[in-house]
Amino acid sequence: MPLTCDVLIIGGGIAGLSLASELSGSAPGLHVVLAEAEATLAYHTSSRSARQLIPSYGPPAVRELTRRTLELLHGIQERTGTVFLTPRSFLLVGSEEDVQANATAEMEFLSPAQVQQLSPELRPGTFAAAGLDRHSFGSNADAMIEYHRAAAEAGGAVVLTGAPVRAAAAGGAGWRVEAGEHSIEAATVVNAAGAWADQVAGLFGAAPQGLVPYRRTAAVVDVDHPLGAGQPMVAAADHTFYYRPEGSQVLISPSEAVPSVAEDARPRPGDVEAVVELIDGLTTMGIRSVARAWTGLRTEPADGHPVVGFDGDVDGFFWLAGQGGYGFQTSCGIAELAAGLLLGQDSGPWSAAAAAALSPLRGGPSPTP
């Protein structure tokens, strides 16, 4: 006997879980099923987050949805007592040209002397300019994932793991989908499959959105001189590194964006060693050893905006993909937008400009493979 639902969400990362949570809370009686290919939820990119929500990071639509996400997360914290957010500013450093090119109106410009007060580990003379976002937060990604899972299931959503989508066919009032050992009949399908989103779209006859997965490696290192808990996350304006406190250790990244196939990504030889050498030369932290390292995939289309909305050619097929490096920081805001579109709402807390910027139809006809 197949499972039947109003909405089938494909993908159990932060995007899919946030939407399942939002739909279960905002539309009682709506039957939602979430199907995750892996045996555990949030296995791929969502488990490999930088854990920093930066309101000044990204294009205008992303920044709007980040602000809304922070507003919603603060509200959930107050209601539940669960801590998702810890104040941690974001510091962009580099040449004057690079900082000016990458800073936004939400940032304030600092002199090198002011930067030394905030981040005394930076060696003098290694940067000429800096921008600071004081409204940035460190995030508890695990708590966010667990909250959305629990909220979705409390609202009646069925969450399946080990259920990769193998086949789909239109029929009746929607879709019949084979996911692992399950047959699912759904009126609407939401494609929240991350790096695999374009592949999943092909099963439903939808043209790809030109989504490209990009590698992003990170490591947690032991240091001789730990950063203070209140120190900012520091990022190079030329996109060559970032680092931030991680308890008594430090999280570092080469901040690379190397195209990849959709896969369970792993660090490549030399990537971590190179960024250790770079950061050791720019700071006085004294990196001793690498405790652990990983690589995630940040998937996005050519214009760098997430893709949220109904497909223009395939009925009952909805995109929730291409979040790139904005997945957690926009999660609640994008889920609210996606739920509104799925439920046929003409307006909401999002702006029309943000909805248009993220629409799958924003570039005109769907791209061809």
Protein backbone atom coordinates (compact mmCIF):
# COMPACT_ATOMS: atom_id res chain seq x y z
CA MET A 1 0.00 0.00 0.00
CA PRO A 2 1.65 3.28 -1.02
CA LEU A 3 2.11 6.21 1.31
CA THR A 4 -0.04 9.13 0.25
CA CYS A 5 0.67 12.77 0.94
CA ASP A 6 0.01 16.28 -0.21
CA VAL A 7 3.71 17.21 -0.34
CA LEU A 8 6.72 14.92 -0.78
CA ILE A 9 10.02 16.59 0.10
CA ILE A 10 13.09 14.93 -1.42
CA GLY A 11 16.14 15.65 0.73
CA GLY A 12 16.71 15.62 4.47
CA GLY A 13 19.25 18.41 4.82
CA ILE A 14 18.56 21.75 6.48
CA ALA A 15 16.47 22.93 3.49
CA GLY A 16 14.12 19.94 3.41
CA LEU A 17 13.82 19.69 7.19
CA SER A 18 13.11 23.41 7.59
CA LEU A 19 10.34 23.21 5.00
CA ALA A 20 8.84 20.08 6.59
CA SER A 21 8.85 21.88 9.93
CA GLU A 22 7.28 25.04 8.46
CA LEU A 23 4.55 23.19 6.56
CA SER A 24 3.67 21.01 9.54
CA GLY A 25 3.33 24.08 11.74
CA SER A 26 1.62 26.48 9.34
CA ALA A 27 -0.76 24.13 7.52
CA PRO A 28 -2.38 21.67 9.95
CA GLY A 29 -3.96 18.77 8.10
CA LEU A 30 -1.47 18.95 5.24
CA HIS A 31 0.14 15.53 4.84
CA VAL A 32 3.91 15.80 4.39
CA VAL A 33 6.46 13.06 3.70
CA LEU A 34 10.21 13.71 3.64
CA ALA A 35 12.48 11.16 1.92
CA GLU A 36 16.22 11.23 2.58
CA ALA A 37 18.53 9.01 0.52
CA GLU A 38 21.10 8.46 3.29
CA ALA A 39 20.61 6.42 6.44
CA THR A 40 20.91 9.58 8.54
CA LEU A 41 19.46 13.04 8.10
CA ALA A 42 21.67 16.01 7.17
CA TYR A 43 24.53 13.70 6.21
CA HIS A 44 26.14 15.70 3.42
CA THR A 45 26.58 19.50 3.30
CA SER A 46 24.28 20.20 6.24
CA SER A 47 26.58 18.28 8.58
CA ARG A 48 29.62 20.20 7.28
CA SER A 49 28.53 23.78 7.90
CA ALA A 50 30.82 26.67 8.90
CA ARG A 51 28.21 27.37 11.61
CA GLN A 52 28.13 31.12 11.09
CA LEU A 53 25.10 33.22 10.11
CA ILE A 54 26.23 36.45 8.46
CA PRO A 55 23.56 39.05 7.58
CA SER A 56 26.01 40.94 5.34
CA TYR A 57 26.90 37.85 3.28
CA GLY A 58 25.34 37.26 -0.13
CA PRO A 59 23.16 39.12 -2.65
CA PRO A 60 20.25 41.30 -1.44
CA ALA A 61 17.59 38.55 -1.53
CA VAL A 62 19.82 36.26 0.51
CA ARG A 63 20.55 39.00 3.04
CA GLU A 64 16.81 39.67 3.41
CA LEU A 65 16.10 35.98 4.07
CA THR A 66 19.04 35.81 6.49
CA ARG A 67 17.60 38.65 8.55
CA ARG A 68 14.23 36.90 8.59
CA THR A 69 15.86 33.61 9.61
CA LEU A 70 17.61 35.29 12.52
CA GLU A 71 14.31 36.89 13.59
CA LEU A 72 12.54 33.52 13.51
CA LEU A 73 15.37 31.69 15.30
CA HIS A 74 15.40 34.27 18.09
CA GLY A 75 11.65 33.71 18.48
CA ILE A 76 12.06 29.93 18.66
CA GLN A 77 14.82 30.33 21.22
CA GLU A 78 12.58 32.45 23.42
CA ARG A 79 9.73 29.93 23.18
CA THR A 80 11.72 26.75 23.66
CA GLY A 81 14.87 27.71 25.53
CA THR A 82 16.96 25.93 22.91
CA VAL A 83 20.06 27.94 22.02
CA PHE A 84 20.66 28.18 18.28
CA LEU A 85 22.59 31.45 18.14
CA THR A 86 25.64 32.85 19.89
CA PRO A 87 26.84 36.38 19.07
CA ARG A 88 30.03 36.21 17.01
CA SER A 89 30.97 39.07 14.71
CA PHE A 90 32.36 38.58 11.21
CA LEU A 91 35.57 40.33 10.16
CA LEU A 92 36.58 40.72 6.51
CA VAL A 93 40.26 41.59 5.97
CA GLY A 94 42.48 42.23 2.98
CA SER A 95 43.53 44.92 0.56
CA GLU A 96 41.44 48.08 0.34
CA GLU A 97 40.31 47.06 -3.15
CA ASP A 98 39.21 43.56 -2.11
CA VAL A 99 37.42 44.72 1.05
CA GLN A 100 35.59 47.47 -0.82
CA ALA A 101 34.53 44.97 -3.49
CA ASN A 102 33.17 42.43 -1.01
CA ALA A 103 31.86 44.52 1.89
CA THR A 104 28.19 45.46 2.06
CA ALA A 105 26.25 48.34 3.58
CA GLU A 106 25.68 46.29 6.74
CA MET A 107 29.41 46.38 7.54
CA GLU A 108 31.49 49.10 9.19
CA PHE A 109 35.04 49.79 8.05
CA LEU A 110 37.82 49.48 10.62
CA SER A 111 41.37 50.72 10.75
CA PRO A 112 44.20 48.21 11.21
CA ALA A 113 44.58 49.45 14.80
CA GLN A 114 40.91 48.70 15.54
CA VAL A 115 41.27 45.27 13.99
CA GLN A 116 44.26 44.49 16.22
CA GLN A 117 42.05 45.11 19.25
CA LEU A 118 39.42 42.65 17.98
CA SER A 119 41.79 40.02 16.57
CA PRO A 120 45.23 40.45 18.12
CA GLU A 121 46.37 37.17 16.56
CA LEU A 122 46.57 38.83 13.13
CA ARG A 123 50.14 39.86 12.41
CA PRO A 124 50.53 43.63 11.80
CA GLY A 125 51.02 44.52 8.17
CA THR A 126 49.24 41.47 6.78
CA PHE A 127 46.16 43.48 5.74
CA ALA A 128 45.35 47.07 4.78
CA ALA A 129 41.58 47.27 5.28
CA ALA A 130 38.77 45.54 7.13
CA GLY A 131 34.98 45.42 7.35
CA LEU A 132 33.07 44.23 10.40
CA ASP A 133 29.57 42.79 10.68
CA ARG A 134 28.62 43.10 14.35
CA HIS A 135 25.24 41.42 13.81
CA SER A 136 26.63 38.02 12.83
CA PHE A 137 26.04 34.90 14.92
CA GLY A 138 27.63 31.54 15.48
CA SER A 139 25.02 28.83 14.97
CA ASN A 140 24.33 25.48 16.57
CA ALA A 141 23.64 23.55 13.37
CA ASP A 142 22.93 20.28 15.17
CA ALA A 143 20.29 21.92 17.36
CA MET A 144 18.67 23.53 14.32
CA ILE A 145 18.48 20.22 12.48
CA GLU A 146 17.05 18.42 15.49
CA TYR A 147 14.49 21.16 16.17
CA HIS A 148 13.14 21.04 12.62
CA ARG A 149 13.03 17.24 12.59
CA ALA A 150 11.16 17.10 15.87
CA ALA A 151 8.79 19.92 14.89
CA ALA A 152 8.03 18.28 11.55
CA GLU A 153 7.24 14.93 13.12
CA ALA A 154 5.23 16.54 15.94
CA GLY A 155 3.13 18.17 13.22
CA GLY A 156 2.44 14.83 11.58
CA ALA A 157 5.16 14.70 8.91
CA VAL A 158 6.57 11.28 8.05
CA VAL A 159 10.37 11.29 7.83
CA LEU A 160 11.99 8.45 5.89
CA THR A 161 15.72 7.70 5.80
CA GLY A 162 17.56 5.28 3.53
CA ALA A 163 15.01 6.19 0.85
CA PRO A 164 16.76 7.36 -2.34
CA VAL A 165 14.35 8.31 -5.11
CA ARG A 166 14.76 5.78 -7.92
CA ALA A 167 11.81 6.48 -10.20
CA ALA A 168 8.89 8.84 -10.66
CA ALA A 169 5.83 8.90 -12.87
CA ALA A 170 2.99 11.36 -13.27
CA GLY A 171 -0.45 9.97 -12.76
CA GLY A 172 -3.81 10.72 -11.22
CA ALA A 173 -3.65 13.94 -9.26
CA GLY A 174 0.12 14.07 -8.95
CA TRP A 175 3.12 11.77 -8.75
CA ARG A 176 3.95 8.20 -7.90
CA VAL A 177 7.49 8.01 -6.57
CA GLU A 178 9.66 5.02 -5.70
CA ALA A 179 11.97 5.95 -2.82
CA GLY A 180 14.02 3.10 -1.39
CA GLU A 181 11.52 0.44 -0.35
CA HIS A 182 8.64 2.90 -0.33
CA SER A 183 6.03 3.79 -2.93
CA ILE A 184 4.71 7.29 -2.37
CA GLU A 185 1.81 9.08 -4.02
CA ALA A 186 2.12 12.86 -3.77
CA ALA A 187 0.21 15.79 -5.19
CA THR A 188 3.34 17.95 -5.16
CA VAL A 189 7.03 17.06 -5.05
CA VAL A 190 9.66 19.41 -3.60
CA ASN A 191 13.20 18.95 -4.88
CA ALA A 192 15.48 19.70 -1.92
CA ALA A 193 18.16 17.22 -2.99
CA GLY A 194 21.17 19.52 -2.68
CA ALA A 195 24.05 18.55 -4.97
CA TRP A 196 21.80 15.93 -6.59
CA ALA A 197 18.92 18.34 -7.33
CA ASP A 198 19.43 18.51 -11.10
CA GLN A 199 19.70 14.70 -11.26
CA VAL A 200 16.48 14.31 -9.27
CA ALA A 201 14.76 16.81 -11.55
CA GLY A 202 15.53 14.58 -14.52
CA LEU A 203 13.50 11.74 -12.97
CA PHE A 204 10.46 14.02 -13.08
CA GLY A 205 11.07 15.30 -16.60
CA ALA A 206 12.16 18.74 -15.41
CA ALA A 207 15.03 20.54 -17.14
CA PRO A 208 18.09 21.18 -14.97
CA GLN A 209 18.69 24.57 -13.39
CA GLY A 210 22.42 24.44 -14.11
CA LEU A 211 23.29 23.69 -10.49
CA VAL A 212 26.99 23.12 -9.86
CA PRO A 213 28.39 21.59 -6.65
CA TYR A 214 31.55 23.34 -5.41
CA ARG A 215 34.00 21.86 -2.94
CA ARG A 216 34.61 23.63 0.38
CA THR A 217 37.11 22.07 2.80
CA ALA A 218 37.48 22.82 6.51
CA ALA A 219 39.52 21.51 9.42
CA VAL A 220 39.63 21.88 13.18
CA VAL A 221 43.17 22.46 14.42
CA ASP A 222 44.98 22.55 17.75
CA VAL A 223 46.87 25.80 18.41
CA ASP A 224 49.43 27.10 20.88
CA HIS A 225 47.45 30.29 21.50
CA PRO A 226 43.66 29.70 21.40
CA LEU A 227 41.31 32.47 20.32
CA GLY A 228 38.98 34.01 22.83
CA ALA A 229 35.39 32.75 22.72
CA GLY A 230 34.15 36.24 21.85
CA GLN A 231 36.55 36.84 18.97
CA PRO A 232 35.15 37.24 15.46
CA MET A 233 35.21 34.88 12.55
CA VAL A 234 37.94 36.21 10.24
CA ALA A 235 37.75 35.83 6.46
CA ALA A 236 40.01 36.99 3.66
CA ALA A 237 38.36 39.36 1.21
CA ASP A 238 40.20 37.57 -1.62
CA HIS A 239 38.51 34.28 -0.62
CA THR A 240 41.72 32.45 0.32
CA PHE A 241 40.86 31.49 3.92
CA TYR A 242 38.64 31.91 6.93
CA TYR A 243 38.93 30.86 10.55
CA ARG A 244 36.98 31.15 13.78
CA PRO A 245 37.11 29.91 17.39
CA GLU A 246 35.98 26.34 18.01
CA GLY A 247 36.21 26.00 21.78
CA SER A 248 39.91 25.70 22.62
CA GLN A 249 40.59 24.83 18.98
CA VAL A 250 40.20 26.79 15.74
CA LEU A 251 38.18 25.98 12.63
CA ILE A 252 40.03 26.91 9.43
CA SER A 253 39.19 26.69 5.73
CA PRO A 254 40.92 27.44 2.42
CA SER A 255 37.53 28.79 1.29
CA GLU A 256 37.94 27.08 -2.06
CA ALA A 257 35.19 26.85 -4.66
CA VAL A 258 36.23 24.01 -6.98
CA PRO A 259 33.55 22.46 -9.23
CA SER A 260 32.76 18.84 -8.36
CA VAL A 261 30.46 16.02 -9.24
CA ALA A 262 27.71 15.25 -6.73
CA GLU A 263 29.47 12.95 -4.26
CA ASP A 264 30.33 12.28 -0.65
CA ALA A 265 33.24 14.72 -0.82
CA ARG A 266 36.52 14.27 1.06
CA PRO A 267 39.55 16.57 1.52
CA ARG A 268 42.13 16.34 -1.23
CA PRO A 269 45.82 15.88 -0.41
CA GLY A 270 47.51 19.21 0.22
CA ASP A 271 44.42 21.39 0.66
CA VAL A 272 44.46 21.43 4.46
CA GLU A 273 48.27 21.60 4.65
CA ALA A 274 48.29 24.66 2.37
CA VAL A 275 45.77 26.62 4.41
CA VAL A 276 47.56 25.70 7.65
CA GLU A 277 50.76 27.18 6.21
CA LEU A 278 48.92 30.29 4.98
CA ILE A 279 47.12 31.03 8.25
CA ASP A 280 50.22 30.26 10.30
CA GLY A 281 52.06 32.94 8.33
CA LEU A 282 49.31 35.54 8.89
CA THR A 283 48.60 34.91 12.58
CA THR A 284 50.36 34.15 15.85
CA MET A 285 48.02 31.28 16.81
CA GLY A 286 50.69 28.63 16.22
CA ILE A 287 48.87 25.72 14.58
CA ARG A 288 50.22 22.45 16.06
CA SER A 289 48.13 19.71 14.47
CA VAL A 290 44.96 18.92 12.55
CA ALA A 291 42.33 17.26 14.75
CA ARG A 292 39.88 16.50 11.94
CA ALA A 293 39.06 17.68 8.42
CA TRP A 294 36.14 17.39 6.00
CA THR A 295 34.80 18.67 2.69
CA GLY A 296 31.25 19.71 1.82
CA LEU A 297 29.58 20.67 -1.44
CA ARG A 298 28.02 24.13 -1.84
CA THR A 299 25.63 23.85 -4.78
CA GLU A 300 24.44 26.88 -6.73
CA PRO A 301 23.45 28.10 -10.21
CA ALA A 302 25.47 30.54 -12.27
CA ASP A 303 23.91 33.67 -10.72
CA GLY A 304 24.60 32.50 -7.16
CA HIS A 305 20.96 32.71 -5.99
CA PRO A 306 19.05 29.78 -4.50
CA VAL A 307 16.23 28.33 -6.62
CA VAL A 308 12.82 28.37 -4.93
CA GLY A 309 9.48 27.93 -6.68
CA PHE A 310 7.37 25.83 -9.02
CA ASP A 311 8.98 24.56 -12.20
CA GLY A 312 7.74 26.40 -15.26
CA ASP A 313 7.17 23.29 -17.36
CA VAL A 314 6.40 20.37 -15.04
CA ASP A 315 3.21 20.54 -12.99
CA GLY A 316 3.46 19.73 -9.32
CA PHE A 317 7.26 19.96 -9.24
CA PHE A 318 8.79 22.54 -6.89
CA TRP A 319 12.45 23.58 -6.55
CA LEU A 320 14.14 24.20 -3.19
CA ALA A 321 17.79 23.98 -4.15
CA GLY A 322 20.99 25.85 -4.95
CA GLN A 323 21.46 27.41 -1.50
CA GLY A 324 25.25 27.45 -1.93
CA GLY A 325 26.85 28.67 1.29
CA TYR A 326 23.60 30.23 2.50
CA GLY A 327 21.75 27.09 3.60
CA PHE A 328 21.62 27.54 7.36
CA GLN A 329 21.63 31.33 7.36
CA THR A 330 18.53 31.50 5.14
CA SER A 331 16.89 28.24 6.27
CA CYS A 332 13.86 29.53 8.18
CA GLY A 333 13.26 32.45 5.83
CA ILE A 334 13.46 30.29 2.70
CA ALA A 335 11.22 27.65 4.28
CA GLU A 336 8.64 30.34 5.05
CA LEU A 337 8.83 31.60 1.47
CA ALA A 338 8.64 28.09 -0.01
CA ALA A 339 5.69 27.15 2.20
CA GLY A 340 3.86 30.31 1.17
CA LEU A 341 4.38 29.57 -2.52
CA LEU A 342 3.32 25.95 -2.09
CA LEU A 343 0.15 27.04 -0.29
CA GLY A 344 -0.68 29.65 -2.94
CA GLN A 345 -0.09 32.72 -0.80
CA ASP A 346 0.42 35.90 -2.80
CA SER A 347 2.39 37.69 -0.10
CA GLY A 348 4.13 37.17 3.21
CA PRO A 349 7.09 38.36 5.28
CA TRP A 350 9.27 38.06 2.17
CA SER A 351 9.51 40.77 -0.47
CA ALA A 352 8.31 40.31 -4.04
CA ALA A 353 11.85 41.15 -5.13
CA ALA A 354 13.28 38.26 -3.10
CA ALA A 355 10.71 35.80 -4.45
CA ALA A 356 11.45 36.92 -8.01
CA ALA A 357 15.23 36.70 -7.51
CA LEU A 358 14.92 33.07 -6.36
CA SER A 359 12.27 31.94 -8.83
CA PRO A 360 13.22 29.08 -11.19
CA LEU A 361 11.75 31.26 -13.97
CA ARG A 362 13.99 34.28 -13.30
CA GLY A 363 16.25 33.59 -16.27
CA GLY A 364 13.49 32.99 -18.80
CA PRO A 365 13.19 29.54 -20.41
CA SER A 366 14.62 26.60 -18.48
CA PRO A 367 18.25 25.88 -19.36
CA THR A 368 18.92 22.81 -21.48
CA PRO A 369 21.23 20.02 -20.30
